[in-house]
C-alpha atoms as a PDB file:
ATOM      1  CA  MET A   1     114.575  78.237  49.554  1.00  0.00           C
ATOM      2  CA  ALA A   2     114.038  80.543  52.629  1.00  0.00           C
ATOM      3  CA  LEU A   3     110.289  78.905  53.341  1.00  0.00           C
ATOM      4  CA  SER A   4     112.465  75.443  52.718  1.00  0.00           C
ATOM      5  CA  ARG A   5     114.936  75.925  55.467  1.00  0.00           C
ATOM      6  CA  VAL A   6     112.078  77.249  57.980  1.00  0.00           C
ATOM      7  CA  GLY A   7     110.379  74.036  57.104  1.00  0.00           C
ATOM      8  CA  TYR A   8     113.322  72.024  57.710  1.00  0.00           C
ATOM      9  CA  PHE A   9     114.254  73.557  60.762  1.00  0.00           C
ATOM     10  CA  SER A  10     111.026  73.505  62.154  1.00  0.00           C
ATOM     11  CA  ARG A  11     111.100  69.983  61.726  1.00  0.00           C
ATOM     12  CA  GLU A  12     114.167  69.151  63.353  1.00  0.00           C
ATOM     13  CA  THR A  13     113.122  70.943  66.445  1.00  0.00           C
ATOM     14  CA  VAL A  14     110.188  69.069  66.582  1.00  0.00           C
ATOM     15  CA  VAL A  15     112.310  65.807  65.831  1.00  0.00           C
ATOM     16  CA  SER A  16     114.864  67.084  69.135  1.00  0.00           C
ATOM     17  CA  LEU A  17     112.270  67.695  71.077  1.00  0.00           C
ATOM     18  CA  SER A  18     109.859  64.934  71.049  1.00  0.00           C
ATOM     19  CA  ARG A  19     113.858  62.224  71.532  1.00  0.00           C
ATOM     20  CA  ASN A  20     114.471  63.831  74.418  1.00  0.00           C
ATOM     21  CA  PHE A  21     110.247  64.610  75.413  1.00  0.00           C
ATOM     22  CA  MET A  22     111.500  63.778  79.392  1.00  0.00           C
ATOM     23  CA  MET A  23     114.281  65.575  79.548  1.00  0.00           C
ATOM     24  CA  SER A  24     112.552  69.172  77.865  1.00  0.00           C
ATOM     25  CA  VAL A  25     109.547  68.511  80.552  1.00  0.00           C
ATOM     26  CA  ALA A  26     112.181  69.133  83.097  1.00  0.00           C
ATOM     27  CA  CYS A  27     113.465  72.171  81.764  1.00  0.00           C
ATOM     28  CA  VAL A  28     110.238  73.839  80.810  1.00  0.00           C
ATOM     29  CA  ILE A  29     109.113  73.009  84.430  1.00  0.00           C
ATOM     30  CA  THR A  30     112.269  74.069  85.917  1.00  0.00           C
ATOM     31  CA  ILE A  31     112.275  77.503  83.704  1.00  0.00           C
ATOM     32  CA  ALA A  32     108.511  78.069  84.946  1.00  0.00           C
ATOM     33  CA  ILE A  33     109.449  77.785  88.515  1.00  0.00           C
ATOM     34  CA  SER A  34     112.144  79.294  88.725  1.00  0.00           C
ATOM     35  CA  LEU A  35     110.442  82.775  86.497  1.00  0.00           C
ATOM     36  CA  ALA A  36     107.411  82.230  88.462  1.00  0.00           C
ATOM     37  CA  LEU A  37     109.309  82.829  91.355  1.00  0.00           C
ATOM     38  CA  VAL A  38     110.624  86.131  90.186  1.00  0.00           C
ATOM     39  CA  GLY A  39     107.371  87.141  88.776  1.00  0.00           C
ATOM     40  CA  GLY A  40     105.978  86.609  92.051  1.00  0.00           C
ATOM     41  CA  ALA A  41     108.355  88.828  93.821  1.00  0.00           C
ATOM     42  CA  LEU A  42     108.066  91.375  91.308  1.00  0.00           C
ATOM     43  CA  VAL A  43     104.393  91.714  91.646  1.00  0.00           C
ATOM     44  CA  TYR A  44     104.735  91.205  95.582  1.00  0.00           C
ATOM     45  CA  THR A  45     107.041  94.166  95.867  1.00  0.00           C
ATOM     46  CA  ASN A  46     104.803  96.277  93.454  1.00  0.00           C
ATOM     47  CA  TRP A  47     101.675  95.748  95.763  1.00  0.00           C
ATOM     48  CA  VAL A  48     103.844  96.503  99.044  1.00  0.00           C
ATOM     49  CA  ASP A  49     105.768  99.870  97.468  1.00  0.00           C
ATOM     50  CA  ASN A  50     102.135 101.273  96.524  1.00  0.00           C
ATOM     51  CA  GLY A  51     100.800 100.501  99.744  1.00  0.00           C
ATOM     52  CA  THR A  52     103.878 102.134 101.790  1.00  0.00           C
ATOM     53  CA  ALA A  53     104.568 104.852  99.242  1.00  0.00           C
ATOM     54  CA  ARG A  54     104.066 107.330 101.523  1.00  0.00           C
ATOM     55  CA  TRP A  55     107.125 106.111 103.966  1.00  0.00           C
ATOM     56  CA  GLN A  56     109.632 105.558 101.453  1.00  0.00           C
ATOM     57  CA  GLY A  57     112.377 107.705 100.922  1.00  0.00           C
ATOM     58  CA  ASN A  58     113.174 107.852 104.831  1.00  0.00           C
ATOM     59  CA  VAL A  59     109.994 110.087 105.491  1.00  0.00           C
ATOM     60  CA  ALA A  60     109.694 109.168 109.357  1.00  0.00           C
ATOM     61  CA  PHE A  61     106.416 111.376 109.659  1.00  0.00           C
ATOM     62  CA  ASP A  62     104.165 113.794 107.978  1.00  0.00           C
ATOM     63  CA  VAL A  63     103.096 117.231 109.566  1.00  0.00           C
ATOM     64  CA  PHE A  64      99.536 117.841 108.614  1.00  0.00           C
ATOM     65  CA  MET A  65      98.396 121.740 108.580  1.00  0.00           C
ATOM     66  CA  ASN A  66      94.697 122.753 109.252  1.00  0.00           C
ATOM     67  CA  VAL A  67      92.987 123.458 106.247  1.00  0.00           C
ATOM     68  CA  ASP A  68      92.626 126.870 107.015  1.00  0.00           C
ATOM     69  CA  ALA A  69      95.983 127.194 108.470  1.00  0.00           C
ATOM     70  CA  THR A  70      97.514 130.893 107.982  1.00  0.00           C
ATOM     71  CA  GLU A  71     100.461 131.378 106.058  1.00  0.00           C
ATOM     72  CA  SER A  72     101.758 132.565 109.300  1.00  0.00           C
ATOM     73  CA  GLN A  73     101.456 129.142 110.960  1.00  0.00           C
ATOM     74  CA  ILE A  74     102.836 127.630 108.088  1.00  0.00           C
ATOM     75  CA  ALA A  75     106.054 129.476 107.847  1.00  0.00           C
ATOM     76  CA  ASP A  76     106.485 128.955 111.676  1.00  0.00           C
ATOM     77  CA  VAL A  77     106.394 125.397 111.534  1.00  0.00           C
ATOM     78  CA  ARG A  78     108.700 125.230 108.316  1.00  0.00           C
ATOM     79  CA  GLN A  79     110.972 127.737 110.302  1.00  0.00           C
ATOM     80  CA  ALA A  80     110.871 125.565 113.706  1.00  0.00           C
ATOM     81  CA  LEU A  81     111.407 122.227 111.061  1.00  0.00           C
ATOM     82  CA  GLU A  82     114.193 123.653 109.652  1.00  0.00           C
ATOM     83  CA  ASN A  83     115.965 124.641 113.090  1.00  0.00           C
ATOM     84  CA  ASP A  84     115.429 121.358 114.494  1.00  0.00           C
ATOM     85  CA  SER A  85     118.771 119.377 115.067  1.00  0.00           C
ATOM     86  CA  ASP A  86     116.686 116.411 114.980  1.00  0.00           C
ATOM     87  CA  VAL A  87     115.649 117.281 111.606  1.00  0.00           C
ATOM     88  CA  LYS A  88     117.066 116.253 108.121  1.00  0.00           C
ATOM     89  CA  LYS A  89     115.160 117.240 105.917  1.00  0.00           C
ATOM     90  CA  ALA A  90     111.666 118.499 105.673  1.00  0.00           C
ATOM     91  CA  SER A  91     109.784 118.957 102.129  1.00  0.00           C
ATOM     92  CA  PHE A  92     106.845 121.195 102.403  1.00  0.00           C
ATOM     93  CA  LEU A  93     103.400 119.673 100.155  1.00  0.00           C
ATOM     94  CA  ASP A  94     101.149 122.464  99.081  1.00  0.00           C
ATOM     95  CA  LYS A  95      97.706 121.807  98.322  1.00  0.00           C
ATOM     96  CA  GLN A  96      97.981 120.813  94.628  1.00  0.00           C
ATOM     97  CA  ALA A  97     100.716 118.643  95.708  1.00  0.00           C
ATOM     98  CA  ALA A  98      99.039 117.136  98.367  1.00  0.00           C
ATOM     99  CA  TYR A  99      95.875 116.838  96.156  1.00  0.00           C
ATOM    100  CA  ASN A 100      98.579 115.111  93.362  1.00  0.00           C
ATOM    101  CA  GLU A 101      99.613 112.082  96.163  1.00  0.00           C
ATOM    102  CA  PHE A 102      96.030 111.842  97.112  1.00  0.00           C
ATOM    103  CA  LYS A 103      95.347 110.906  94.031  1.00  0.00           C
ATOM    104  CA  SER A 104      98.123 108.808  93.549  1.00  0.00           C
ATOM    105  CA  LEU A 105      97.868 106.843  97.139  1.00  0.00           C
ATOM    106  CA  PHE A 106      93.995 106.721  96.598  1.00  0.00           C
ATOM    107  CA  SER A 107      93.998 105.682  92.403  1.00  0.00           C
ATOM    108  CA  LYS A 108      91.977 102.767  93.444  1.00  0.00           C
ATOM    109  CA  GLU A 109      89.482 104.383  95.222  1.00  0.00           C
ATOM    110  CA  PRO A 110      87.939 106.821  92.203  1.00  0.00           C
ATOM    111  CA  ALA A 111      84.916 107.353  93.818  1.00  0.00           C
ATOM    112  CA  LEU A 112      87.022 108.781  96.747  1.00  0.00           C
ATOM    113  CA  VAL A 113      89.049 110.884  94.729  1.00  0.00           C
ATOM    114  CA  GLU A 114      86.048 112.445  92.728  1.00  0.00           C
ATOM    115  CA  ASN A 115      84.962 113.685  96.012  1.00  0.00           C
ATOM    116  CA  VAL A 116      87.556 115.456  97.525  1.00  0.00           C
ATOM    117  CA  ASP A 117      89.217 119.079  95.797  1.00  0.00           C
ATOM    118  CA  ALA A 118      92.735 120.415  96.191  1.00  0.00           C
ATOM    119  CA  ALA A 119      91.177 122.919  98.428  1.00  0.00           C
ATOM    120  CA  SER A 120      89.579 120.654 100.623  1.00  0.00           C
ATOM    121  CA  LEU A 121      93.230 119.176 101.299  1.00  0.00           C
ATOM    122  CA  PRO A 122      95.434 120.365 104.145  1.00  0.00           C
ATOM    123  CA  THR A 123      99.099 121.380 103.299  1.00  0.00           C
ATOM    124  CA  SER A 124     101.671 119.426 105.283  1.00  0.00           C
ATOM    125  CA  PHE A 125     105.756 118.887 105.651  1.00  0.00           C
ATOM    126  CA  LYS A 126     107.347 115.551 104.856  1.00  0.00           C
ATOM    127  CA  VAL A 127     109.906 115.035 107.278  1.00  0.00           C
ATOM    128  CA  THR A 128     112.909 112.945 107.526  1.00  0.00           C
ATOM    129  CA  LEU A 129     115.024 112.630 110.924  1.00  0.00           C
ATOM    130  CA  VAL A 130     118.559 112.194 111.462  1.00  0.00           C
ATOM    131  CA  ASN A 131     118.106 109.419 114.388  1.00  0.00           C
ATOM    132  CA  ALA A 132     114.729 107.469 113.438  1.00  0.00           C
ATOM    133  CA  LYS A 133     114.794 106.811 117.469  1.00  0.00           C
ATOM    134  CA  THR A 134     113.742 110.335 117.982  1.00  0.00           C
ATOM    135  CA  ILE A 135     110.673 109.768 116.268  1.00  0.00           C
ATOM    136  CA  ASP A 136     108.340 109.708 119.084  1.00  0.00           C
ATOM    137  CA  THR A 137     110.153 113.160 120.764  1.00  0.00           C
ATOM    138  CA  VAL A 138     109.974 114.916 117.834  1.00  0.00           C
ATOM    139  CA  THR A 139     106.524 114.162 116.771  1.00  0.00           C
ATOM    140  CA  LYS A 140     105.207 115.648 120.132  1.00  0.00           C
ATOM    141  CA  ARG A 141     107.340 118.406 119.819  1.00  0.00           C
ATOM    142  CA  TYR A 142     105.004 119.315 117.010  1.00  0.00           C
ATOM    143  CA  ALA A 143     101.433 118.217 117.501  1.00  0.00           C
ATOM    144  CA  THR A 144     100.575 121.167 119.747  1.00  0.00           C
ATOM    145  CA  ARG A 145     102.062 123.598 117.718  1.00  0.00           C
ATOM    146  CA  PRO A 146      99.408 126.262 116.701  1.00  0.00           C
ATOM    147  CA  GLY A 147      97.886 125.360 113.034  1.00  0.00           C
ATOM    148  CA  VAL A 148      98.949 122.016 113.239  1.00  0.00           C
ATOM    149  CA  TRP A 149      96.151 119.745 112.337  1.00  0.00           C
ATOM    150  CA  SER A 150      97.833 116.293 113.060  1.00  0.00           C
ATOM    151  CA  ILE A 151     101.266 113.738 112.817  1.00  0.00           C
ATOM    152  CA  ALA A 152     101.177 110.882 111.020  1.00  0.00           C
ATOM    153  CA  SER A 153     104.053 108.416 111.319  1.00  0.00           C
ATOM    154  CA  PRO A 154     104.154 104.542 109.542  1.00  0.00           C
ATOM    155  CA  SER A 155     102.751 102.403 112.032  1.00  0.00           C
ATOM    156  CA  GLN A 156     104.737  99.257 113.427  1.00  0.00           C
ATOM    157  CA  ALA A 157     102.577  97.058 110.865  1.00  0.00           C
ATOM    158  CA  VAL A 158     103.430  99.163 108.016  1.00  0.00           C
ATOM    159  CA  LYS A 159     107.470  98.935 109.208  1.00  0.00           C
ATOM    160  CA  ASP A 160     106.798  94.902 109.763  1.00  0.00           C
ATOM    161  CA  GLU A 161     104.979  94.795 105.701  1.00  0.00           C
ATOM    162  CA  ILE A 162     107.974  96.915 104.581  1.00  0.00           C
ATOM    163  CA  THR A 163     110.816  94.427 106.742  1.00  0.00           C
ATOM    164  CA  ARG A 164     108.777  91.213 105.656  1.00  0.00           C
ATOM    165  CA  ALA A 165     108.708  92.594 101.538  1.00  0.00           C
ATOM    166  CA  GLU A 166     111.946  93.149 101.545  1.00  0.00           C
ATOM    167  CA  ARG A 167     112.881  89.659 103.147  1.00  0.00           C
ATOM    168  CA  THR A 168     110.730  87.851 100.867  1.00  0.00           C
ATOM    169  CA  ARG A 169     111.840  89.297  97.858  1.00  0.00           C
ATOM    170  CA  LEU A 170     115.411  88.322  98.918  1.00  0.00           C
ATOM    171  CA  VAL A 171     114.491  84.622  99.416  1.00  0.00           C
ATOM    172  CA  LEU A 172     112.402  84.548  96.288  1.00  0.00           C
ATOM    173  CA  LEU A 173     114.746  85.898  93.908  1.00  0.00           C
ATOM    174  CA  SER A 174     117.535  83.708  95.696  1.00  0.00           C
ATOM    175  CA  LEU A 175     115.775  80.426  95.322  1.00  0.00           C
ATOM    176  CA  SER A 176     114.578  81.513  91.583  1.00  0.00           C
ATOM    177  CA  ALA A 177     118.165  82.112  90.895  1.00  0.00           C
ATOM    178  CA  LEU A 178     119.170  78.875  91.835  1.00  0.00           C
ATOM    179  CA  LEU A 179     116.584  77.142  89.738  1.00  0.00           C
ATOM    180  CA  LEU A 180     117.727  79.504  86.556  1.00  0.00           C
ATOM    181  CA  VAL A 181     121.064  78.030  86.994  1.00  0.00           C
ATOM    182  CA  SER A 182     119.696  74.720  87.005  1.00  0.00           C
ATOM    183  CA  SER A 183     117.551  75.683  83.954  1.00  0.00           C
ATOM    184  CA  VAL A 184     120.788  76.476  82.176  1.00  0.00           C
ATOM    185  CA  ILE A 185     122.430  73.697  82.957  1.00  0.00           C
ATOM    186  CA  LEU A 186     119.372  71.106  82.039  1.00  0.00           C
ATOM    187  CA  VAL A 187     118.646  72.798  78.757  1.00  0.00           C
ATOM    188  CA  ILE A 188     122.723  72.689  78.221  1.00  0.00           C
ATOM    189  CA  PHE A 189     122.795  68.253  78.566  1.00  0.00           C
ATOM    190  CA  THR A 190     119.472  68.045  76.656  1.00  0.00           C
ATOM    191  CA  VAL A 191     120.952  69.843  74.027  1.00  0.00           C
ATOM    192  CA  ARG A 192     124.113  68.002  74.297  1.00  0.00           C
ATOM    193  CA  LEU A 193     122.193  64.395  74.543  1.00  0.00           C
ATOM    194  CA  ALA A 194     120.513  65.347  71.388  1.00  0.00           C
ATOM    195  CA  THR A 195     123.641  66.193  69.749  1.00  0.00           C
ATOM    196  CA  LEU A 196     125.528  62.891  70.392  1.00  0.00           C
ATOM    197  CA  ALA A 197     122.084  61.110  69.002  1.00  0.00           C
ATOM    198  CA  ARG A 198     122.247  63.064  66.196  1.00  0.00           C
ATOM    199  CA  ARG A 199     126.197  62.881  65.829  1.00  0.00           C
ATOM    200  CA  ARG A 200     126.724  60.919  62.928  1.00  0.00           C
ATOM    201  CA  GLU A 201     123.867  63.132  60.947  1.00  0.00           C
ATOM    202  CA  ILE A 202     125.440  66.101  61.957  1.00  0.00           C
ATOM    203  CA  GLU A 203     129.037  64.850  60.823  1.00  0.00           C
ATOM    204  CA  VAL A 204     127.792  64.047  57.428  1.00  0.00           C
ATOM    205  CA  MET A 205     126.136  67.345  57.616  1.00  0.00           C
ATOM    206  CA  LYS A 206     129.314  69.307  58.226  1.00  0.00           C
ATOM    207  CA  LEU A 207     131.363  67.244  55.714  1.00  0.00           C
ATOM    208  CA  VAL A 208     128.468  68.131  52.723  1.00  0.00           C
ATOM    209  CA  GLY A 209     129.356  72.094  53.800  1.00  0.00           C
ATOM    210  CA  ALA A 210     126.510  72.816  56.196  1.00  0.00           C
ATOM    211  CA  SER A 211     127.567  75.785  58.582  1.00  0.00           C
ATOM    212  CA  ASN A 212     127.810  75.872  62.141  1.00  0.00           C
ATOM    213  CA  TRP A 213     124.721  78.022  62.285  1.00  0.00           C
ATOM    214  CA  PHE A 214     122.875  75.544  60.109  1.00  0.00           C
ATOM    215  CA  VAL A 215     123.622  73.020  62.767  1.00  0.00           C
ATOM    216  CA  ARG A 216     123.156  75.170  65.523  1.00  0.00           C
ATOM    217  CA  ILE A 217     119.441  76.873  64.713  1.00  0.00           C
ATOM    218  CA  PRO A 218     117.258  73.648  65.184  1.00  0.00           C
ATOM    219  CA  PHE A 219     118.902  72.958  68.833  1.00  0.00           C
ATOM    220  CA  MET A 220     118.957  76.575  69.618  1.00  0.00           C
ATOM    221  CA  ALA A 221     115.164  76.661  68.694  1.00  0.00           C
ATOM    222  CA  GLU A 222     114.617  73.587  70.904  1.00  0.00           C
ATOM    223  CA  GLY A 223     115.819  75.412  73.391  1.00  0.00           C
ATOM    224  CA  GLY A 224     114.093  78.706  72.734  1.00  0.00           C
ATOM    225  CA  VAL A 225     110.518  76.535  72.467  1.00  0.00           C
ATOM    226  CA  GLN A 226     111.583  75.128  76.069  1.00  0.00           C
ATOM    227  CA  GLY A 227     112.501  78.491  77.475  1.00  0.00           C
ATOM    228  CA  LEU A 228     108.953  79.686  75.910  1.00  0.00           C
ATOM    229  CA  LEU A 229     106.878  77.151  77.469  1.00  0.00           C
ATOM    230  CA  GLY A 230     108.519  77.706  80.821  1.00  0.00           C
ATOM    231  CA  ALA A 231     107.646  81.683  80.327  1.00  0.00           C
ATOM    232  CA  LEU A 232     104.532  81.011  79.709  1.00  0.00           C
ATOM    233  CA  PHE A 233     103.389  79.056  82.664  1.00  0.00           C
ATOM    234  CA  ALA A 234     105.630  81.031  84.907  1.00  0.00           C
ATOM    235  CA  ALA A 235     103.210  84.049  83.131  1.00  0.00           C
ATOM    236  CA  LEU A 236     100.371  82.445  83.947  1.00  0.00           C
ATOM    237  CA  LEU A 237     101.335  81.427  87.462  1.00  0.00           C
ATOM    238  CA  THR A 238     102.674  85.401  87.720  1.00  0.00           C
ATOM    239  CA  VAL A 239      98.760  86.769  86.986  1.00  0.00           C
ATOM    240  CA  VAL A 240      97.102  84.425  89.069  1.00  0.00           C
ATOM    241  CA  VAL A 241      99.411  85.916  92.023  1.00  0.00           C
ATOM    242  CA  ALA A 242      98.490  89.385  91.416  1.00  0.00           C
ATOM    243  CA  LYS A 243      95.074  88.375  91.873  1.00  0.00           C
ATOM    244  CA  LEU A 244      95.321  86.370  94.704  1.00  0.00           C
ATOM    245  CA  ILE A 245      97.592  88.955  96.766  1.00  0.00           C
ATOM    246  CA  PRO A 246      94.966  91.774  96.716  1.00  0.00           C
ATOM    247  CA  ALA A 247      92.547  89.422  97.568  1.00  0.00           C
ATOM    248  CA  PHE A 248      93.596  87.448 100.277  1.00  0.00           C
ATOM    249  CA  ALA A 249      96.528  90.124 102.046  1.00  0.00           C
ATOM    250  CA  GLN A 250      95.186  91.777 104.795  1.00  0.00           C
ATOM    251  CA  PRO A 251      97.769  95.110 104.353  1.00  0.00           C
ATOM    252  CA  PRO A 252      97.463  97.974 107.381  1.00  0.00           C
ATOM    253  CA  LYS A 253      94.925 100.846 106.126  1.00  0.00           C
ATOM    254  CA  GLY A 254      95.896 104.076 104.976  1.00  0.00           C
ATOM    255  CA  PRO A 255      94.832 107.184 106.106  1.00  0.00           C
ATOM    256  CA  GLY A 256      90.541 107.297 106.721  1.00  0.00           C
ATOM    257  CA  GLY A 257      90.796 103.392 106.934  1.00  0.00           C
ATOM    258  CA  VAL A 258      91.448 102.653 103.272  1.00  0.00           C
ATOM    259  CA  SER A 259      93.734 100.612 102.168  1.00  0.00           C
ATOM    260  CA  THR A 260      96.714 102.419  99.741  1.00  0.00           C
ATOM    261  CA  TYR A 261      97.727  98.628  98.731  1.00  0.00           C
ATOM    262  CA  PHE A 262      97.522  97.616  95.049  1.00  0.00           C
ATOM    263  CA  ILE A 263      99.490  96.142  92.230  1.00  0.00           C
ATOM    264  CA  ASP A 264      99.524  98.339  88.920  1.00  0.00           C
ATOM    265  CA  PRO A 265      98.091  95.962  85.909  1.00  0.00           C
ATOM    266  CA  SER A 266     101.059  97.748  83.472  1.00  0.00           C
ATOM    267  CA  TYR A 267     103.502  96.397  85.423  1.00  0.00           C
ATOM    268  CA  VAL A 268     101.601  93.343  85.570  1.00  0.00           C
ATOM    269  CA  ALA A 269     101.936  93.536  81.852  1.00  0.00           C
ATOM    270  CA  TRP A 270     105.593  94.680  81.618  1.00  0.00           C
ATOM    271  CA  THR A 271     106.533  91.576  84.051  1.00  0.00           C
ATOM    272  CA  VAL A 272     104.753  89.126  82.322  1.00  0.00           C
ATOM    273  CA  GLY A 273     106.608  90.553  78.857  1.00  0.00           C
ATOM    274  CA  GLY A 274     110.002  90.267  80.862  1.00  0.00           C
ATOM    275  CA  LEU A 275     109.098  86.564  81.807  1.00  0.00           C
ATOM    276  CA  PHE A 276     108.214  86.103  78.153  1.00  0.00           C
ATOM    277  CA  LEU A 277     111.689  87.451  76.673  1.00  0.00           C
ATOM    278  CA  SER A 278     113.819  86.134  79.912  1.00  0.00           C
ATOM    279  CA  GLY A 279     112.252  82.402  79.397  1.00  0.00           C
ATOM    280  CA  ILE A 280     113.771  82.712  75.524  1.00  0.00           C
ATOM    281  CA  THR A 281     117.150  84.236  76.220  1.00  0.00           C
ATOM    282  CA  ILE A 282     117.924  81.521  78.671  1.00  0.00           C
ATOM    283  CA  GLY A 283     116.676  78.521  76.422  1.00  0.00           C
ATOM    284  CA  VAL A 284     118.722  80.384  73.574  1.00  0.00           C
ATOM    285  CA  VAL A 285     121.695  81.044  75.334  1.00  0.00           C
ATOM    286  CA  ALA A 286     122.071  77.930  76.733  1.00  0.00           C
ATOM    287  CA  ALA A 287     121.591  75.691  73.629  1.00  0.00           C
ATOM    288  CA  PHE A 288     124.218  77.754  71.884  1.00  0.00           C
ATOM    289  CA  ILE A 289     126.504  76.825  75.099  1.00  0.00           C
ATOM    290  CA  GLY A 290     125.768  73.268  75.146  1.00  0.00           C
ATOM    291  CA  LEU A 291     126.279  73.511  71.435  1.00  0.00           C
ATOM    292  CA  TYR A 292     129.643  75.524  71.751  1.00  0.00           C
ATOM    293  CA  ARG A 293     132.306  72.892  72.088  1.00  0.00           C
ATOM    294  CA  TYR A 294     130.931  70.570  70.080  1.00  0.00           C
ATOM    295  CA  LEU A 295     130.887  72.557  66.894  1.00  0.00           C
ATOM    296  CA  ASP A 296     134.358  73.854  67.649  1.00  0.00           C
ATOM    297  CA  VAL A 297     133.526  77.662  67.450  1.00  0.00           C
END
């Protein structure tokens, strides 16, 4: 019995898709484009977030101590930062913490990481300012203190990259939201056209005792298939974008002239999985809405 129902639902789904072929194609394309924009926005954001991780959390600049800086020199700089009215917060990174951050920043450069150990890295302070406009004044204040090796602050290129990423993400997600609404509307109309084409058949089924769910499942499956196909194309486009961004982009370089920008493969995998789940959900929910009034439930 169960197998016969699965066979029936499968046949009805195929029949419904073929009867409204052009509308189904339009649904798939719209869902694909909207989800591809979401996927592209997410992987691009991941690329920028990884590349600018050092400057996230409102970190204004880093004070790097000499590798052989004495405890007294480190304590003096810490005391000065704590008493500085322009400094909102200063976090100290010992050699092990610096090494952990180094491995994270240069995870795509294994050869570089292998040739560095914790003892060879300097301790540092991550400094957050009360007012970002005072960065030039404050960095000069600490650049010449005993034991300080260098001051690192985000370049204008990094700041521009962060701003551009935020704007790009907003634009892509806004366009995606509009297209997702269009996708839902298209699926709803496609399902309603299918129900109108088969209204007499559905009425007969209802008269002989078919439940609303028995009638509904083929149409929801139709929406699910449309969403699945759209998500498949969106996933492929997202993977392509994830490959193209590092290949063609020219991001600002990190310390030592090495770029810290990369896209995490596991993040891409989770994004693709989310696109499939979203596509199927959009199709099924839209089909349910399209049938809601017709079946009077």
